[in-house]
Amino acid sequence: MPKPTSPIPDSDRAPAPEPIRFYGTSWVDHTGGYAVRRLGLGLAALVLAAGGTVLLTLVFGGVGTSGWLQVLAVIALVLCAVMAFTRTWNGYTQPAESGADESAFRSIKVVGFVGVFLAYALRTVVEAPGERLRRADYEAALERHRRRIARRSGNPARRRRAGKR
């Protein structure tokens, strides 16, 4: 499908905000059910974290291994959940580091999925997860756009030359 053409050149258009999953671009001005979505998604993440905890408890309770092996498995799950929580929380609050390879932590986040859900739920108390980073990027892009547009002073062909009057 062809892109619709506009009389405004692409260089004159203000940058569009990046959408956030489940929120779209309603995070910009907090409209369109933004508060209800935040509340609902935060509660859903808490329910999923609680359900995951119950599921893991049932799985490891039914394994029937010796006490020390079960304790080691629980410690490993808790450590994965803590690392997943920390990585997810930092991903919502700090820009991604160029050296950090997120795919290397994917397996830890899968095993520690309870930590991911808890980080998401706690972040929705403050804002939409990732909103602070997207807002900073969007405002910087708007400022660059304003400066670029402000420098223009009209039609350059109509300007007078310095030596002529």
N, C-alpha and C. Protein backbone atom coordinates (compact mmCIF):
# COMPACT_ATOMS: atom_id res chain seq x y z
N MET A 1 0.85 -1.17 0.00
CA MET A 1 0.00 0.00 0.00
C MET A 1 0.89 1.24 0.00
N PRO A 2 0.68 2.16 -0.94
CA PRO A 2 1.55 3.35 -1.00
C PRO A 2 1.32 4.27 0.18
N LYS A 3 2.39 4.94 0.55
CA LYS A 3 2.33 5.89 1.65
C LYS A 3 1.59 7.15 1.20
N PRO A 4 0.66 7.65 2.02
CA PRO A 4 -0.05 8.87 1.62
C PRO A 4 0.90 10.05 1.57
N THR A 5 0.72 10.86 0.55
CA THR A 5 1.58 12.02 0.41
C THR A 5 0.97 13.19 1.15
N SER A 6 1.82 14.07 1.60
CA SER A 6 1.39 15.23 2.35
C SER A 6 2.02 16.47 1.73
N PRO A 7 1.33 17.60 1.79
CA PRO A 7 1.92 18.82 1.24
C PRO A 7 3.11 19.31 2.06
N ILE A 8 3.25 18.83 3.29
CA ILE A 8 4.36 19.24 4.15
C ILE A 8 5.54 18.30 3.89
N PRO A 9 6.70 18.83 3.54
CA PRO A 9 7.85 17.95 3.33
C PRO A 9 8.22 17.22 4.61
N ASP A 10 8.84 16.04 4.46
CA ASP A 10 9.23 15.24 5.62
C ASP A 10 10.15 16.00 6.56
N SER A 11 10.96 16.90 6.04
CA SER A 11 11.90 17.63 6.88
C SER A 11 11.18 18.64 7.79
N ASP A 12 9.94 19.02 7.43
CA ASP A 12 9.20 19.99 8.25
C ASP A 12 8.29 19.33 9.28
N ARG A 13 8.10 18.03 9.22
CA ARG A 13 7.22 17.35 10.15
C ARG A 13 7.91 17.15 11.50
N ALA A 14 7.13 17.34 12.54
CA ALA A 14 7.66 17.08 13.88
C ALA A 14 7.78 15.57 14.06
N PRO A 15 8.75 15.12 14.85
CA PRO A 15 8.92 13.69 15.05
C PRO A 15 7.73 13.09 15.79
N ALA A 16 7.40 11.87 15.45
CA ALA A 16 6.29 11.16 16.10
C ALA A 16 6.82 10.37 17.28
N PRO A 17 6.04 10.26 18.35
CA PRO A 17 6.49 9.47 19.50
C PRO A 17 6.48 7.98 19.19
N GLU A 18 7.39 7.26 19.81
CA GLU A 18 7.43 5.81 19.66
C GLU A 18 6.35 5.18 20.52
N PRO A 19 5.57 4.24 19.99
CA PRO A 19 4.54 3.60 20.81
C PRO A 19 5.15 2.63 21.82
N ILE A 20 4.47 2.48 22.94
CA ILE A 20 4.84 1.51 23.96
C ILE A 20 3.79 0.40 23.92
N ARG A 21 4.24 -0.85 24.03
CA ARG A 21 3.32 -1.98 23.98
C ARG A 21 2.22 -1.81 25.03
N PHE A 22 0.99 -2.06 24.63
CA PHE A 22 -0.24 -1.95 25.42
C PHE A 22 -0.69 -0.51 25.66
N TYR A 23 0.16 0.47 25.38
CA TYR A 23 -0.19 1.87 25.63
C TYR A 23 -0.27 2.69 24.35
N GLY A 24 0.36 2.23 23.29
CA GLY A 24 0.41 3.01 22.06
C GLY A 24 1.16 4.30 22.31
N THR A 25 0.58 5.41 21.86
CA THR A 25 1.20 6.71 22.11
C THR A 25 0.42 7.51 23.14
N SER A 26 -0.47 6.85 23.88
CA SER A 26 -1.24 7.55 24.91
C SER A 26 -0.36 7.99 26.08
N TRP A 27 0.86 7.49 26.16
CA TRP A 27 1.77 7.89 27.24
C TRP A 27 2.22 9.34 27.08
N VAL A 28 2.11 9.90 25.90
CA VAL A 28 2.58 11.27 25.68
C VAL A 28 1.75 12.26 26.48
N ASP A 29 0.42 12.14 26.38
CA ASP A 29 -0.45 13.10 27.07
C ASP A 29 -1.39 12.43 28.07
N HIS A 30 -1.18 11.13 28.34
CA HIS A 30 -1.94 10.36 29.33
C HIS A 30 -3.45 10.39 29.05
N THR A 31 -3.82 10.19 27.79
CA THR A 31 -5.22 10.13 27.40
C THR A 31 -5.56 8.73 26.92
N GLY A 32 -6.81 8.53 26.57
CA GLY A 32 -7.23 7.26 25.99
C GLY A 32 -7.19 6.10 26.96
N GLY A 33 -7.55 6.32 28.20
CA GLY A 33 -7.58 5.23 29.18
C GLY A 33 -6.21 4.85 29.71
N TYR A 34 -5.30 5.77 29.69
CA TYR A 34 -3.92 5.50 30.14
C TYR A 34 -3.89 5.01 31.59
N ALA A 35 -4.59 5.70 32.49
CA ALA A 35 -4.57 5.32 33.91
C ALA A 35 -5.22 3.96 34.14
N VAL A 36 -6.30 3.70 33.43
CA VAL A 36 -6.98 2.41 33.58
C VAL A 36 -6.09 1.29 33.07
N ARG A 37 -5.42 1.52 31.95
CA ARG A 37 -4.49 0.52 31.41
C ARG A 37 -3.35 0.25 32.38
N ARG A 38 -2.81 1.32 32.95
CA ARG A 38 -1.72 1.12 33.91
C ARG A 38 -2.16 0.29 35.09
N LEU A 39 -3.33 0.61 35.63
CA LEU A 39 -3.84 -0.15 36.77
C LEU A 39 -4.10 -1.60 36.38
N GLY A 40 -4.77 -1.81 35.26
CA GLY A 40 -5.10 -3.17 34.82
C GLY A 40 -3.87 -4.00 34.52
N LEU A 41 -2.91 -3.43 33.83
CA LEU A 41 -1.71 -4.18 33.49
C LEU A 41 -0.85 -4.44 34.72
N GLY A 42 -0.83 -3.51 35.66
CA GLY A 42 -0.09 -3.74 36.90
C GLY A 42 -0.69 -4.88 37.71
N LEU A 43 -2.01 -4.89 37.80
CA LEU A 43 -2.69 -5.98 38.52
C LEU A 43 -2.51 -7.31 37.80
N ALA A 44 -2.59 -7.29 36.48
CA ALA A 44 -2.39 -8.52 35.71
C ALA A 44 -0.98 -9.07 35.91
N ALA A 45 0.01 -8.19 35.95
CA ALA A 45 1.38 -8.63 36.18
C ALA A 45 1.54 -9.23 37.57
N LEU A 46 0.88 -8.63 38.56
CA LEU A 46 0.92 -9.21 39.92
C LEU A 46 0.26 -10.58 39.96
N VAL A 47 -0.86 -10.72 39.30
CA VAL A 47 -1.56 -12.02 39.26
C VAL A 47 -0.69 -13.06 38.57
N LEU A 48 -0.05 -12.68 37.46
CA LEU A 48 0.84 -13.62 36.76
C LEU A 48 2.04 -14.00 37.61
N ALA A 49 2.59 -13.05 38.36
CA ALA A 49 3.72 -13.36 39.24
C ALA A 49 3.29 -14.32 40.34
N ALA A 50 2.12 -14.07 40.92
CA ALA A 50 1.62 -14.96 41.98
C ALA A 50 1.31 -16.34 41.40
N GLY A 51 0.71 -16.39 40.23
CA GLY A 51 0.43 -17.67 39.58
C GLY A 51 1.71 -18.43 39.25
N GLY A 52 2.72 -17.72 38.79
CA GLY A 52 4.00 -18.36 38.50
C GLY A 52 4.66 -18.91 39.74
N THR A 53 4.53 -18.19 40.84
CA THR A 53 5.09 -18.67 42.11
C THR A 53 4.39 -19.94 42.57
N VAL A 54 3.06 -19.94 42.45
CA VAL A 54 2.29 -21.14 42.83
C VAL A 54 2.66 -22.31 41.92
N LEU A 55 2.78 -22.06 40.63
CA LEU A 55 3.15 -23.10 39.68
C LEU A 55 4.52 -23.68 39.99
N LEU A 56 5.49 -22.83 40.26
CA LEU A 56 6.82 -23.32 40.59
C LEU A 56 6.83 -24.10 41.90
N THR A 57 6.02 -23.65 42.86
CA THR A 57 5.92 -24.38 44.13
C THR A 57 5.35 -25.77 43.90
N LEU A 58 4.31 -25.88 43.07
CA LEU A 58 3.72 -27.19 42.78
C LEU A 58 4.68 -28.09 42.01
N VAL A 59 5.41 -27.52 41.08
CA VAL A 59 6.35 -28.32 40.29
C VAL A 59 7.46 -28.86 41.17
N PHE A 60 8.07 -28.01 41.98
CA PHE A 60 9.17 -28.49 42.80
C PHE A 60 8.70 -29.29 44.01
N GLY A 61 7.46 -29.13 44.40
CA GLY A 61 6.93 -29.97 45.48
C GLY A 61 6.67 -31.38 45.01
N GLY A 62 6.35 -31.53 43.73
CA GLY A 62 6.05 -32.85 43.19
C GLY A 62 7.24 -33.59 42.62
N VAL A 63 8.40 -32.97 42.60
CA VAL A 63 9.58 -33.62 42.04
C VAL A 63 10.03 -34.76 42.92
N GLY A 64 9.94 -34.60 44.20
CA GLY A 64 10.28 -35.68 45.13
C GLY A 64 11.77 -35.93 45.25
N THR A 65 12.58 -34.92 45.11
CA THR A 65 14.02 -35.08 45.26
C THR A 65 14.40 -34.88 46.72
N SER A 66 15.66 -35.12 46.98
CA SER A 66 16.13 -34.96 48.36
C SER A 66 16.10 -33.49 48.76
N GLY A 67 16.15 -33.24 50.05
CA GLY A 67 16.01 -31.89 50.59
C GLY A 67 17.06 -30.92 50.10
N TRP A 68 18.32 -31.31 50.07
CA TRP A 68 19.37 -30.40 49.66
C TRP A 68 19.30 -30.04 48.18
N LEU A 69 18.88 -31.01 47.34
CA LEU A 69 18.76 -30.72 45.91
C LEU A 69 17.61 -29.76 45.64
N GLN A 70 16.54 -29.94 46.40
CA GLN A 70 15.40 -29.04 46.25
C GLN A 70 15.76 -27.62 46.71
N VAL A 71 16.53 -27.51 47.78
CA VAL A 71 16.97 -26.20 48.27
C VAL A 71 17.86 -25.52 47.23
N LEU A 72 18.76 -26.27 46.59
CA LEU A 72 19.62 -25.69 45.55
C LEU A 72 18.79 -25.20 44.36
N ALA A 73 17.76 -25.96 43.99
CA ALA A 73 16.91 -25.56 42.87
C ALA A 73 16.15 -24.28 43.21
N VAL A 74 15.64 -24.19 44.42
CA VAL A 74 14.91 -22.99 44.85
C VAL A 74 15.86 -21.79 44.89
N ILE A 75 17.06 -21.98 45.39
CA ILE A 75 18.03 -20.88 45.42
C ILE A 75 18.35 -20.42 44.00
N ALA A 76 18.52 -21.36 43.07
CA ALA A 76 18.80 -21.00 41.67
C ALA A 76 17.63 -20.21 41.08
N LEU A 77 16.40 -20.62 41.36
CA LEU A 77 15.22 -19.90 40.84
C LEU A 77 15.12 -18.50 41.44
N VAL A 78 15.40 -18.39 42.72
CA VAL A 78 15.34 -17.08 43.37
C VAL A 78 16.42 -16.16 42.80
N LEU A 79 17.63 -16.67 42.60
CA LEU A 79 18.70 -15.85 42.02
C LEU A 79 18.36 -15.41 40.60
N CYS A 80 17.78 -16.32 39.82
CA CYS A 80 17.36 -15.95 38.45
C CYS A 80 16.26 -14.90 38.49
N ALA A 81 15.32 -15.03 39.44
CA ALA A 81 14.25 -14.04 39.55
C ALA A 81 14.80 -12.68 39.95
N VAL A 82 15.77 -12.67 40.85
CA VAL A 82 16.37 -11.40 41.28
C VAL A 82 17.14 -10.76 40.13
N MET A 83 17.91 -11.55 39.40
CA MET A 83 18.65 -11.00 38.25
C MET A 83 17.70 -10.52 37.16
N ALA A 84 16.63 -11.27 36.92
CA ALA A 84 15.65 -10.87 35.90
C ALA A 84 14.95 -9.58 36.33
N PHE A 85 14.60 -9.47 37.61
CA PHE A 85 13.98 -8.24 38.12
C PHE A 85 14.91 -7.05 37.91
N THR A 86 16.18 -7.22 38.28
CA THR A 86 17.15 -6.12 38.19
C THR A 86 17.36 -5.70 36.74
N ARG A 87 17.54 -6.66 35.84
CA ARG A 87 17.76 -6.33 34.43
C ARG A 87 16.52 -5.65 33.84
N THR A 88 15.34 -6.15 34.18
CA THR A 88 14.11 -5.57 33.65
C THR A 88 13.90 -4.17 34.20
N TRP A 89 14.09 -3.98 35.49
CA TRP A 89 13.92 -2.66 36.10
C TRP A 89 14.89 -1.66 35.50
N ASN A 90 16.15 -2.05 35.36
CA ASN A 90 17.15 -1.16 34.77
C ASN A 90 16.82 -0.85 33.31
N GLY A 91 16.22 -1.79 32.62
CA GLY A 91 15.82 -1.56 31.24
C GLY A 91 14.73 -0.51 31.12
N TYR A 92 13.92 -0.36 32.16
CA TYR A 92 12.87 0.65 32.16
C TYR A 92 13.36 2.02 32.60
N THR A 93 14.47 2.08 33.32
CA THR A 93 14.89 3.35 33.91
C THR A 93 16.17 3.92 33.32
N GLN A 94 17.01 3.10 32.69
CA GLN A 94 18.28 3.57 32.16
C GLN A 94 18.38 3.21 30.69
N PRO A 95 19.03 4.06 29.89
CA PRO A 95 19.22 3.70 28.49
C PRO A 95 20.08 2.46 28.36
N ALA A 96 19.85 1.70 27.31
CA ALA A 96 20.60 0.46 27.10
C ALA A 96 22.08 0.78 26.88
N GLU A 97 22.91 0.02 27.55
CA GLU A 97 24.35 0.18 27.38
C GLU A 97 24.75 -0.47 26.07
N SER A 98 25.70 0.13 25.40
CA SER A 98 26.10 -0.40 24.10
C SER A 98 26.79 -1.76 24.23
N GLY A 99 27.47 -2.01 25.33
CA GLY A 99 28.19 -3.26 25.50
C GLY A 99 27.33 -4.39 26.05
N ALA A 100 26.17 -4.07 26.58
CA ALA A 100 25.34 -5.10 27.19
C ALA A 100 24.59 -5.87 26.11
N ASP A 101 24.72 -7.17 26.14
CA ASP A 101 24.04 -8.02 25.18
C ASP A 101 22.81 -8.61 25.86
N GLU A 102 21.66 -8.10 25.48
CA GLU A 102 20.41 -8.52 26.14
C GLU A 102 20.07 -9.98 25.84
N SER A 103 20.50 -10.49 24.70
CA SER A 103 20.19 -11.88 24.38
C SER A 103 20.92 -12.85 25.30
N ALA A 104 22.02 -12.43 25.89
CA ALA A 104 22.74 -13.29 26.81
C ALA A 104 21.95 -13.52 28.10
N PHE A 105 21.06 -12.59 28.43
CA PHE A 105 20.26 -12.70 29.66
C PHE A 105 18.86 -13.25 29.40
N ARG A 106 18.57 -13.63 28.18
CA ARG A 106 17.23 -14.10 27.85
C ARG A 106 16.87 -15.36 28.64
N SER A 107 17.78 -16.30 28.76
CA SER A 107 17.48 -17.54 29.48
C SER A 107 17.27 -17.27 30.97
N ILE A 108 18.03 -16.33 31.53
CA ILE A 108 17.84 -15.99 32.94
C ILE A 108 16.47 -15.35 33.14
N LYS A 109 16.05 -14.52 32.19
CA LYS A 109 14.73 -13.90 32.30
C LYS A 109 13.61 -14.93 32.14
N VAL A 110 13.83 -15.96 31.34
CA VAL A 110 12.81 -17.00 31.19
C VAL A 110 12.68 -17.79 32.48
N VAL A 111 13.80 -18.18 33.06
CA VAL A 111 13.76 -18.95 34.30
C VAL A 111 13.25 -18.07 35.45
N GLY A 112 13.64 -16.82 35.48
CA GLY A 112 13.22 -15.91 36.55
C GLY A 112 12.06 -15.03 36.14
N PHE A 113 11.09 -15.61 35.41
CA PHE A 113 9.96 -14.83 34.89
C PHE A 113 9.16 -14.14 35.98
N VAL A 114 9.17 -14.66 37.19
CA VAL A 114 8.45 -14.03 38.29
C VAL A 114 9.05 -12.64 38.57
N GLY A 115 10.36 -12.53 38.49
CA GLY A 115 11.02 -11.24 38.68
C GLY A 115 10.66 -10.24 37.59
N VAL A 116 10.51 -10.72 36.36
CA VAL A 116 10.12 -9.85 35.25
C VAL A 116 8.72 -9.29 35.50
N PHE A 117 7.79 -10.17 35.91
CA PHE A 117 6.42 -9.73 36.18
C PHE A 117 6.37 -8.75 37.35
N LEU A 118 7.16 -9.00 38.38
CA LEU A 118 7.18 -8.09 39.53
C LEU A 118 7.76 -6.73 39.15
N ALA A 119 8.80 -6.71 38.33
CA ALA A 119 9.38 -5.44 37.88
C ALA A 119 8.35 -4.67 37.05
N TYR A 120 7.63 -5.36 36.19
CA TYR A 120 6.61 -4.69 35.37
C TYR A 120 5.51 -4.12 36.26
N ALA A 121 5.06 -4.92 37.24
CA ALA A 121 3.99 -4.47 38.12
C ALA A 121 4.42 -3.25 38.94
N LEU A 122 5.62 -3.28 39.47
CA LEU A 122 6.10 -2.15 40.27
C LEU A 122 6.32 -0.91 39.41
N ARG A 123 6.75 -1.10 38.16
CA ARG A 123 6.98 0.06 37.29
C ARG A 123 5.67 0.72 36.91
N THR A 124 4.60 -0.05 36.79
CA THR A 124 3.31 0.55 36.44
C THR A 124 2.76 1.41 37.57
N VAL A 125 3.26 1.26 38.77
CA VAL A 125 2.84 2.14 39.87
C VAL A 125 3.32 3.57 39.59
N VAL A 126 4.51 3.70 38.99
CA VAL A 126 5.12 5.01 38.73
C VAL A 126 4.68 5.56 37.38
N GLU A 127 4.79 4.75 36.34
CA GLU A 127 4.50 5.18 34.96
C GLU A 127 4.37 3.94 34.09
N ALA A 128 4.07 4.15 32.83
CA ALA A 128 4.10 3.04 31.88
C ALA A 128 5.54 2.56 31.76
N PRO A 129 5.78 1.25 31.81
CA PRO A 129 7.15 0.77 31.73
C PRO A 129 7.85 1.24 30.46
N GLY A 130 8.96 1.93 30.63
CA GLY A 130 9.72 2.48 29.52
C GLY A 130 9.33 3.90 29.14
N GLU A 131 8.34 4.47 29.84
CA GLU A 131 7.86 5.81 29.48
C GLU A 131 8.94 6.87 29.68
N ARG A 132 9.69 6.79 30.73
CA ARG A 132 10.70 7.82 31.02
C ARG A 132 11.74 7.88 29.90
N LEU A 133 12.20 6.72 29.44
CA LEU A 133 13.19 6.71 28.37
C LEU A 133 12.61 7.22 27.06
N ARG A 134 11.40 6.77 26.74
CA ARG A 134 10.76 7.21 25.50
C ARG A 134 10.47 8.71 25.54
N ARG A 135 10.05 9.20 26.71
CA ARG A 135 9.77 10.63 26.84
C ARG A 135 11.04 11.46 26.65
N ALA A 136 12.14 11.02 27.23
CA ALA A 136 13.41 11.75 27.07
C ALA A 136 13.83 11.76 25.61
N ASP A 137 13.73 10.63 24.92
CA ASP A 137 14.08 10.58 23.51
C ASP A 137 13.16 11.47 22.68
N TYR A 138 11.86 11.41 22.97
CA TYR A 138 10.87 12.18 22.22
C TYR A 138 11.09 13.68 22.41
N GLU A 139 11.31 14.10 23.66
CA GLU A 139 11.54 15.53 23.92
C GLU A 139 12.83 16.03 23.30
N ALA A 140 13.87 15.17 23.29
CA ALA A 140 15.12 15.56 22.63
C ALA A 140 14.91 15.69 21.12
N ALA A 141 14.13 14.78 20.54
CA ALA A 141 13.85 14.86 19.10
C ALA A 141 13.01 16.10 18.78
N LEU A 142 12.05 16.43 19.65
CA LEU A 142 11.25 17.64 19.43
C LEU A 142 12.12 18.89 19.52
N GLU A 143 13.04 18.91 20.48
CA GLU A 143 13.92 20.08 20.63
C GLU A 143 14.83 20.23 19.41
N ARG A 144 15.38 19.12 18.92
CA ARG A 144 16.20 19.18 17.70
C ARG A 144 15.37 19.69 16.53
N HIS A 145 14.12 19.24 16.45
CA HIS A 145 13.23 19.68 15.37
C HIS A 145 12.94 21.18 15.48
N ARG A 146 12.67 21.64 16.70
CA ARG A 146 12.39 23.08 16.90
C ARG A 146 13.60 23.94 16.52
N ARG A 147 14.78 23.51 16.90
CA ARG A 147 15.99 24.27 16.55
C ARG A 147 16.21 24.28 15.05
N ARG A 148 15.96 23.14 14.41
CA ARG A 148 16.16 23.07 12.97
C ARG A 148 15.17 23.97 12.24
N ILE A 149 13.92 24.00 12.68
CA ILE A 149 12.89 24.82 12.06
C ILE A 149 13.14 26.31 12.37
N ALA A 150 13.58 26.63 13.57
CA ALA A 150 13.79 28.03 13.97
C ALA A 150 14.93 28.68 13.19
N ARG A 151 15.89 27.90 12.77
CA ARG A 151 17.01 28.45 12.02
C ARG A 151 16.58 28.94 10.64
N ARG A 152 15.53 28.39 10.13
CA ARG A 152 15.08 28.78 8.80
C ARG A 152 14.46 30.16 8.86
N SER A 153 14.78 30.96 7.88
CA SER A 153 14.27 32.33 7.91
C SER A 153 13.44 32.65 6.67
N GLY A 154 12.91 31.66 6.02
CA GLY A 154 12.08 31.93 4.85
C GLY A 154 12.72 31.43 3.57
N ASN A 155 12.34 32.03 2.48
CA ASN A 155 12.81 31.63 1.18
C ASN A 155 14.23 32.16 0.96
N PRO A 156 15.21 31.28 0.77
CA PRO A 156 16.59 31.76 0.61
C PRO A 156 16.79 32.51 -0.71
N ALA A 157 15.95 32.30 -1.70
CA ALA A 157 16.10 32.99 -2.98
C ALA A 157 15.74 34.47 -2.85
N ARG A 158 14.95 34.84 -1.85
CA ARG A 158 14.51 36.21 -1.69
C ARG A 158 15.44 37.01 -0.78
N ARG A 159 16.45 36.41 -0.26
CA ARG A 159 17.37 37.13 0.64
C ARG A 159 18.21 38.11 -0.15
N ARG A 160 18.53 39.22 0.49
CA ARG A 160 19.43 40.18 -0.13
C ARG A 160 20.87 39.75 0.09
N ARG A 161 21.65 40.05 -0.84
CA ARG A 161 23.08 39.71 -0.69
C ARG A 161 23.74 40.80 0.14
N ALA A 162 24.82 40.47 0.79
CA ALA A 162 25.47 41.39 1.71
C ALA A 162 25.96 42.66 1.04
N GLY A 163 26.44 42.62 -0.20
CA GLY A 163 26.99 43.78 -0.87
C GLY A 163 25.94 44.62 -1.60
N LYS A 164 24.79 44.07 -1.90
CA LYS A 164 23.77 44.79 -2.68
C LYS A 164 22.67 45.31 -1.78
N ARG A 165 22.08 46.47 -2.21
CA ARG A 165 20.93 47.02 -1.49
C ARG A 165 19.92 47.51 -2.44
